[in-house]
Amino acid sequence: MSGANTIAVRRALLLVFVGIALAVIGASLATATGRPVWRAVAVVGALAQTFGWVLAVHYRRGGAA
């Protein structure tokens, strides 16, 4: 992997970890408060995590497999 590609993979994995944090915080607060807005935060976190994994695999393989 080239230097720019390594940076892109790291950014994608950072997005994964941010998504995990949002999902955990949103799910915890939705359970504690029962407010639907926190469920939406958890869903956004799950989508960010999924998108981050897709980007990481895309950058790691160098494009379409």
PDB file of N, CA and C in Angstrom:
ATOM      1  N   MET A   1       0.835  -1.181   0.000  1.00  0.00           N
ATOM      2  CA  MET A   1       0.000   0.000   0.000  1.00  0.00           C
ATOM      3  C   MET A   1       0.876   1.240   0.000  1.00  0.00           C
ATOM      4  N   SER A   2       0.444   2.212  -0.770  1.00  0.00           N
ATOM      5  CA  SER A   2       1.187   3.461  -0.807  1.00  0.00           C
ATOM      6  C   SER A   2       0.850   4.316   0.416  1.00  0.00           C
ATOM      7  N   GLY A   3       1.592   5.374   0.603  1.00  0.00           N
ATOM      8  CA  GLY A   3       1.386   6.240   1.753  1.00  0.00           C
ATOM      9  C   GLY A   3       0.003   6.878   1.781  1.00  0.00           C
ATOM     10  N   ALA A   4      -0.461   7.343   0.617  1.00  0.00           N
ATOM     11  CA  ALA A   4      -1.787   7.962   0.547  1.00  0.00           C
ATOM     12  C   ALA A   4      -2.873   6.934   0.806  1.00  0.00           C
ATOM     13  N   ASN A   5      -2.663   5.714   0.326  1.00  0.00           N
ATOM     14  CA  ASN A   5      -3.648   4.651   0.534  1.00  0.00           C
ATOM     15  C   ASN A   5      -3.714   4.260   2.004  1.00  0.00           C
ATOM     16  N   THR A   6      -2.576   4.236   2.675  1.00  0.00           N
ATOM     17  CA  THR A   6      -2.551   3.911   4.102  1.00  0.00           C
ATOM     18  C   THR A   6      -3.313   4.956   4.901  1.00  0.00           C
ATOM     19  N   ILE A   7      -3.140   6.225   4.533  1.00  0.00           N
ATOM     20  CA  ILE A   7      -3.868   7.299   5.214  1.00  0.00           C
ATOM     21  C   ILE A   7      -5.366   7.154   4.980  1.00  0.00           C
ATOM     22  N   ALA A   8      -5.758   6.793   3.769  1.00  0.00           N
ATOM     23  CA  ALA A   8      -7.179   6.617   3.456  1.00  0.00           C
ATOM     24  C   ALA A   8      -7.776   5.473   4.272  1.00  0.00           C
ATOM     25  N   VAL A   9      -7.036   4.387   4.425  1.00  0.00           N
ATOM     26  CA  VAL A   9      -7.524   3.259   5.225  1.00  0.00           C
ATOM     27  C   VAL A   9      -7.657   3.676   6.680  1.00  0.00           C
ATOM     28  N   ARG A  10      -6.698   4.416   7.186  1.00  0.00           N
ATOM     29  CA  ARG A  10      -6.772   4.878   8.579  1.00  0.00           C
ATOM     30  C   ARG A  10      -7.965   5.799   8.803  1.00  0.00           C
ATOM     31  N   ARG A  11      -8.240   6.663   7.846  1.00  0.00           N
ATOM     32  CA  ARG A  11      -9.411   7.537   7.967  1.00  0.00           C
ATOM     33  C   ARG A  11     -10.702   6.726   7.952  1.00  0.00           C
ATOM     34  N   ALA A  12     -10.745   5.714   7.102  1.00  0.00           N
ATOM     35  CA  ALA A  12     -11.933   4.862   7.045  1.00  0.00           C
ATOM     36  C   ALA A  12     -12.120   4.117   8.360  1.00  0.00           C
ATOM     37  N   LEU A  13     -11.045   3.632   8.944  1.00  0.00           N
ATOM     38  CA  LEU A  13     -11.155   2.934  10.226  1.00  0.00           C
ATOM     39  C   LEU A  13     -11.511   3.900  11.358  1.00  0.00           C
ATOM     40  N   LEU A  14     -11.079   5.149  11.254  1.00  0.00           N
ATOM     41  CA  LEU A  14     -11.496   6.159  12.223  1.00  0.00           C
ATOM     42  C   LEU A  14     -13.009   6.365  12.144  1.00  0.00           C
ATOM     43  N   LEU A  15     -13.542   6.361  10.929  1.00  0.00           N
ATOM     44  CA  LEU A  15     -14.987   6.458  10.746  1.00  0.00           C
ATOM     45  C   LEU A  15     -15.696   5.264  11.383  1.00  0.00           C
ATOM     46  N   VAL A  16     -15.101   4.087  11.275  1.00  0.00           N
ATOM     47  CA  VAL A  16     -15.670   2.895  11.911  1.00  0.00           C
ATOM     48  C   VAL A  16     -15.756   3.089  13.421  1.00  0.00           C
ATOM     49  N   PHE A  17     -14.686   3.550  14.032  1.00  0.00           N
ATOM     50  CA  PHE A  17     -14.672   3.710  15.483  1.00  0.00           C
ATOM     51  C   PHE A  17     -15.608   4.822  15.946  1.00  0.00           C
ATOM     52  N   VAL A  18     -15.737   5.883  15.167  1.00  0.00           N
ATOM     53  CA  VAL A  18     -16.704   6.930  15.490  1.00  0.00           C
ATOM     54  C   VAL A  18     -18.123   6.368  15.394  1.00  0.00           C
ATOM     55  N   GLY A  19     -18.360   5.540  14.388  1.00  0.00           N
ATOM     56  CA  GLY A  19     -19.665   4.901  14.254  1.00  0.00           C
ATOM     57  C   GLY A  19     -19.984   3.989  15.419  1.00  0.00           C
ATOM     58  N   ILE A  20     -18.994   3.247  15.873  1.00  0.00           N
ATOM     59  CA  ILE A  20     -19.192   2.376  17.037  1.00  0.00           C
ATOM     60  C   ILE A  20     -19.546   3.212  18.255  1.00  0.00           C
ATOM     61  N   ALA A  21     -18.812   4.298  18.464  1.00  0.00           N
ATOM     62  CA  ALA A  21     -19.074   5.158  19.620  1.00  0.00           C
ATOM     63  C   ALA A  21     -20.477   5.755  19.551  1.00  0.00           C
ATOM     64  N   LEU A  22     -20.881   6.239  18.384  1.00  0.00           N
ATOM     65  CA  LEU A  22     -22.224   6.795  18.241  1.00  0.00           C
ATOM     66  C   LEU A  22     -23.298   5.744  18.486  1.00  0.00           C
ATOM     67  N   ALA A  23     -23.078   4.541  17.968  1.00  0.00           N
ATOM     68  CA  ALA A  23     -24.063   3.474  18.151  1.00  0.00           C
ATOM     69  C   ALA A  23     -24.201   3.098  19.623  1.00  0.00           C
ATOM     70  N   VAL A  24     -23.088   2.983  20.315  1.00  0.00           N
ATOM     71  CA  VAL A  24     -23.136   2.606  21.733  1.00  0.00           C
ATOM     72  C   VAL A  24     -23.773   3.716  22.567  1.00  0.00           C
ATOM     73  N   ILE A  25     -23.354   4.954  22.338  1.00  0.00           N
ATOM     74  CA  ILE A  25     -23.912   6.067  23.101  1.00  0.00           C
ATOM     75  C   ILE A  25     -25.405   6.227  22.801  1.00  0.00           C
ATOM     76  N   GLY A  26     -25.770   6.152  21.525  1.00  0.00           N
ATOM     77  CA  GLY A  26     -27.171   6.295  21.163  1.00  0.00           C
ATOM     78  C   GLY A  26     -28.037   5.199  21.743  1.00  0.00           C
ATOM     79  N   ALA A  27     -27.557   3.949  21.685  1.00  0.00           N
ATOM     80  CA  ALA A  27     -28.337   2.838  22.227  1.00  0.00           C
ATOM     81  C   ALA A  27     -28.456   2.945  23.746  1.00  0.00           C
ATOM     82  N   SER A  28     -27.384   3.345  24.392  1.00  0.00           N
ATOM     83  CA  SER A  28     -27.425   3.481  25.854  1.00  0.00           C
ATOM     84  C   SER A  28     -28.392   4.574  26.282  1.00  0.00           C
ATOM     85  N   LEU A  29     -28.318   5.719  25.626  1.00  0.00           N
ATOM     86  CA  LEU A  29     -29.210   6.817  25.983  1.00  0.00           C
ATOM     87  C   LEU A  29     -30.657   6.522  25.591  1.00  0.00           C
ATOM     88  N   ALA A  30     -30.870   5.797  24.501  1.00  0.00           N
ATOM     89  CA  ALA A  30     -32.236   5.418  24.124  1.00  0.00           C
ATOM     90  C   ALA A  30     -32.829   4.482  25.164  1.00  0.00           C
ATOM     91  N   THR A  31     -32.021   3.583  25.695  1.00  0.00           N
ATOM     92  CA  THR A  31     -32.498   2.675  26.734  1.00  0.00           C
ATOM     93  C   THR A  31     -32.777   3.431  28.032  1.00  0.00           C
ATOM     94  N   ALA A  32     -31.893   4.362  28.371  1.00  0.00           N
ATOM     95  CA  ALA A  32     -32.036   5.078  29.633  1.00  0.00           C
ATOM     96  C   ALA A  32     -33.185   6.080  29.614  1.00  0.00           C
ATOM     97  N   THR A  33     -33.354   6.781  28.494  1.00  0.00           N
ATOM     98  CA  THR A  33     -34.354   7.843  28.456  1.00  0.00           C
ATOM     99  C   THR A  33     -35.631   7.457  27.731  1.00  0.00           C
ATOM    100  N   GLY A  34     -35.546   6.528  26.799  1.00  0.00           N
ATOM    101  CA  GLY A  34     -36.712   6.134  26.020  1.00  0.00           C
ATOM    102  C   GLY A  34     -37.069   7.110  24.910  1.00  0.00           C
ATOM    103  N   ARG A  35     -36.205   8.084  24.653  1.00  0.00           N
ATOM    104  CA  ARG A  35     -36.484   9.074  23.606  1.00  0.00           C
ATOM    105  C   ARG A  35     -36.037   8.550  22.242  1.00  0.00           C
ATOM    106  N   PRO A  36     -36.871   8.698  21.229  1.00  0.00           N
ATOM    107  CA  PRO A  36     -36.544   8.159  19.903  1.00  0.00           C
ATOM    108  C   PRO A  36     -35.371   8.853  19.215  1.00  0.00           C
ATOM    109  N   VAL A  37     -35.045  10.069  19.627  1.00  0.00           N
ATOM    110  CA  VAL A  37     -33.930  10.759  18.982  1.00  0.00           C
ATOM    111  C   VAL A  37     -32.621  10.000  19.201  1.00  0.00           C
ATOM    112  N   TRP A  38     -32.481   9.350  20.351  1.00  0.00           N
ATOM    113  CA  TRP A  38     -31.258   8.596  20.615  1.00  0.00           C
ATOM    114  C   TRP A  38     -31.197   7.331  19.785  1.00  0.00           C
ATOM    115  N   ARG A  39     -32.360   6.772  19.439  1.00  0.00           N
ATOM    116  CA  ARG A  39     -32.368   5.628  18.518  1.00  0.00           C
ATOM    117  C   ARG A  39     -31.854   6.058  17.147  1.00  0.00           C
ATOM    118  N   ALA A  40     -32.233   7.266  16.739  1.00  0.00           N
ATOM    119  CA  ALA A  40     -31.753   7.793  15.461  1.00  0.00           C
ATOM    120  C   ALA A  40     -30.237   7.973  15.487  1.00  0.00           C
ATOM    121  N   VAL A  41     -29.695   8.420  16.617  1.00  0.00           N
ATOM    122  CA  VAL A  41     -28.239   8.561  16.753  1.00  0.00           C
ATOM    123  C   VAL A  41     -27.575   7.191  16.636  1.00  0.00           C
ATOM    124  N   ALA A  42     -28.178   6.180  17.241  1.00  0.00           N
ATOM    125  CA  ALA A  42     -27.628   4.826  17.158  1.00  0.00           C
ATOM    126  C   ALA A  42     -27.658   4.308  15.726  1.00  0.00           C
ATOM    127  N   VAL A  43     -28.725   4.601  15.002  1.00  0.00           N
ATOM    128  CA  VAL A  43     -28.822   4.163  13.604  1.00  0.00           C
ATOM    129  C   VAL A  43     -27.779   4.876  12.748  1.00  0.00           C
ATOM    130  N   VAL A  44     -27.600   6.163  12.964  1.00  0.00           N
ATOM    131  CA  VAL A  44     -26.571   6.910  12.222  1.00  0.00           C
ATOM    132  C   VAL A  44     -25.192   6.338  12.521  1.00  0.00           C
ATOM    133  N   GLY A  45     -24.956   5.977  13.767  1.00  0.00           N
ATOM    134  CA  GLY A  45     -23.682   5.354  14.125  1.00  0.00           C
ATOM    135  C   GLY A  45     -23.474   4.026  13.426  1.00  0.00           C
ATOM    136  N   ALA A  46     -24.521   3.228  13.348  1.00  0.00           N
ATOM    137  CA  ALA A  46     -24.409   1.938  12.660  1.00  0.00           C
ATOM    138  C   ALA A  46     -24.152   2.132  11.171  1.00  0.00           C
ATOM    139  N   LEU A  47     -24.807   3.110  10.577  1.00  0.00           N
ATOM    140  CA  LEU A  47     -24.576   3.388   9.154  1.00  0.00           C
ATOM    141  C   LEU A  47     -23.158   3.916   8.909  1.00  0.00           C
ATOM    142  N   ALA A  48     -22.677   4.774   9.803  1.00  0.00           N
ATOM    143  CA  ALA A  48     -21.312   5.286   9.670  1.00  0.00           C
ATOM    144  C   ALA A  48     -20.296   4.155   9.798  1.00  0.00           C
ATOM    145  N   GLN A  49     -20.554   3.233  10.714  1.00  0.00           N
ATOM    146  CA  GLN A  49     -19.661   2.090  10.894  1.00  0.00           C
ATOM    147  C   GLN A  49     -19.640   1.229   9.629  1.00  0.00           C
ATOM    148  N   THR A  50     -20.800   0.954   9.082  1.00  0.00           N
ATOM    149  CA  THR A  50     -20.879   0.142   7.866  1.00  0.00           C
ATOM    150  C   THR A  50     -20.168   0.830   6.708  1.00  0.00           C
ATOM    151  N   PHE A  51     -20.417   2.123   6.531  1.00  0.00           N
ATOM    152  CA  PHE A  51     -19.774   2.876   5.461  1.00  0.00           C
ATOM    153  C   PHE A  51     -18.260   2.896   5.640  1.00  0.00           C
ATOM    154  N   GLY A  52     -17.804   3.015   6.877  1.00  0.00           N
ATOM    155  CA  GLY A  52     -16.365   2.994   7.141  1.00  0.00           C
ATOM    156  C   GLY A  52     -15.725   1.666   6.778  1.00  0.00           C
ATOM    157  N   TRP A  53     -16.402   0.562   7.101  1.00  0.00           N
ATOM    158  CA  TRP A  53     -15.868  -0.755   6.736  1.00  0.00           C
ATOM    159  C   TRP A  53     -15.808  -0.922   5.228  1.00  0.00           C
ATOM    160  N   VAL A  54     -16.844  -0.463   4.534  1.00  0.00           N
ATOM    161  CA  VAL A  54     -16.853  -0.560   3.069  1.00  0.00           C
ATOM    162  C   VAL A  54     -15.697   0.235   2.482  1.00  0.00           C
ATOM    163  N   LEU A  55     -15.487   1.442   2.980  1.00  0.00           N
ATOM    164  CA  LEU A  55     -14.368   2.252   2.494  1.00  0.00           C
ATOM    165  C   LEU A  55     -13.017   1.606   2.805  1.00  0.00           C
ATOM    166  N   ALA A  56     -12.872   1.062   4.001  1.00  0.00           N
ATOM    167  CA  ALA A  56     -11.599   0.440   4.382  1.00  0.00           C
ATOM    168  C   ALA A  56     -11.270  -0.736   3.472  1.00  0.00           C
ATOM    169  N   VAL A  57     -12.257  -1.560   3.193  1.00  0.00           N
ATOM    170  CA  VAL A  57     -12.025  -2.710   2.302  1.00  0.00           C
ATOM    171  C   VAL A  57     -11.737  -2.224   0.888  1.00  0.00           C
ATOM    172  N   HIS A  58     -12.451  -1.198   0.456  1.00  0.00           N
ATOM    173  CA  HIS A  58     -12.231  -0.655  -0.884  1.00  0.00           C
ATOM    174  C   HIS A  58     -10.807  -0.122  -1.032  1.00  0.00           C
ATOM    175  N   TYR A  59     -10.352   0.645  -0.059  1.00  0.00           N
ATOM    176  CA  TYR A  59      -9.007   1.203  -0.131  1.00  0.00           C
ATOM    177  C   TYR A  59      -7.935   0.142   0.033  1.00  0.00           C
ATOM    178  N   ARG A  60      -8.194  -0.855   0.860  1.00  0.00           N
ATOM    179  CA  ARG A  60      -7.206  -1.897   1.096  1.00  0.00           C
ATOM    180  C   ARG A  60      -6.996  -2.754  -0.139  1.00  0.00           C
ATOM    181  N   ARG A  61      -8.082  -3.034  -0.866  1.00  0.00           N
ATOM    182  CA  ARG A  61      -7.977  -3.873  -2.063  1.00  0.00           C
ATOM    183  C   ARG A  61      -7.589  -3.079  -3.300  1.00  0.00           C
ATOM    184  N   GLY A  62      -7.710  -1.779  -3.230  1.00  0.00           N
ATOM    185  CA  GLY A  62      -7.316  -0.959  -4.374  1.00  0.00           C
ATOM    186  C   GLY A  62      -8.411  -0.774  -5.386  1.00  0.00           C
ATOM    187  N   GLY A  63      -9.652  -0.849  -5.002  1.00  0.00           N
ATOM    188  CA  GLY A  63     -10.758  -0.650  -5.926  1.00  0.00           C
ATOM    189  C   GLY A  63     -11.665  -1.845  -5.952  1.00  0.00           C
ATOM    190  N   ALA A  64     -12.373  -1.970  -7.052  1.00  0.00           N
ATOM    191  CA  ALA A  64     -13.320  -3.076  -7.184  1.00  0.00           C
ATOM    192  C   ALA A  64     -12.575  -4.397  -7.305  1.00  0.00           C
ATOM    193  N   ALA A  65     -13.054  -5.391  -6.595  1.00  0.00           N
ATOM    194  CA  ALA A  65     -12.392  -6.699  -6.606  1.00  0.00           C
ATOM    195  C   ALA A  65     -12.896  -7.550  -7.755  1.00  0.00           C
TER     196      ALA A  65
END
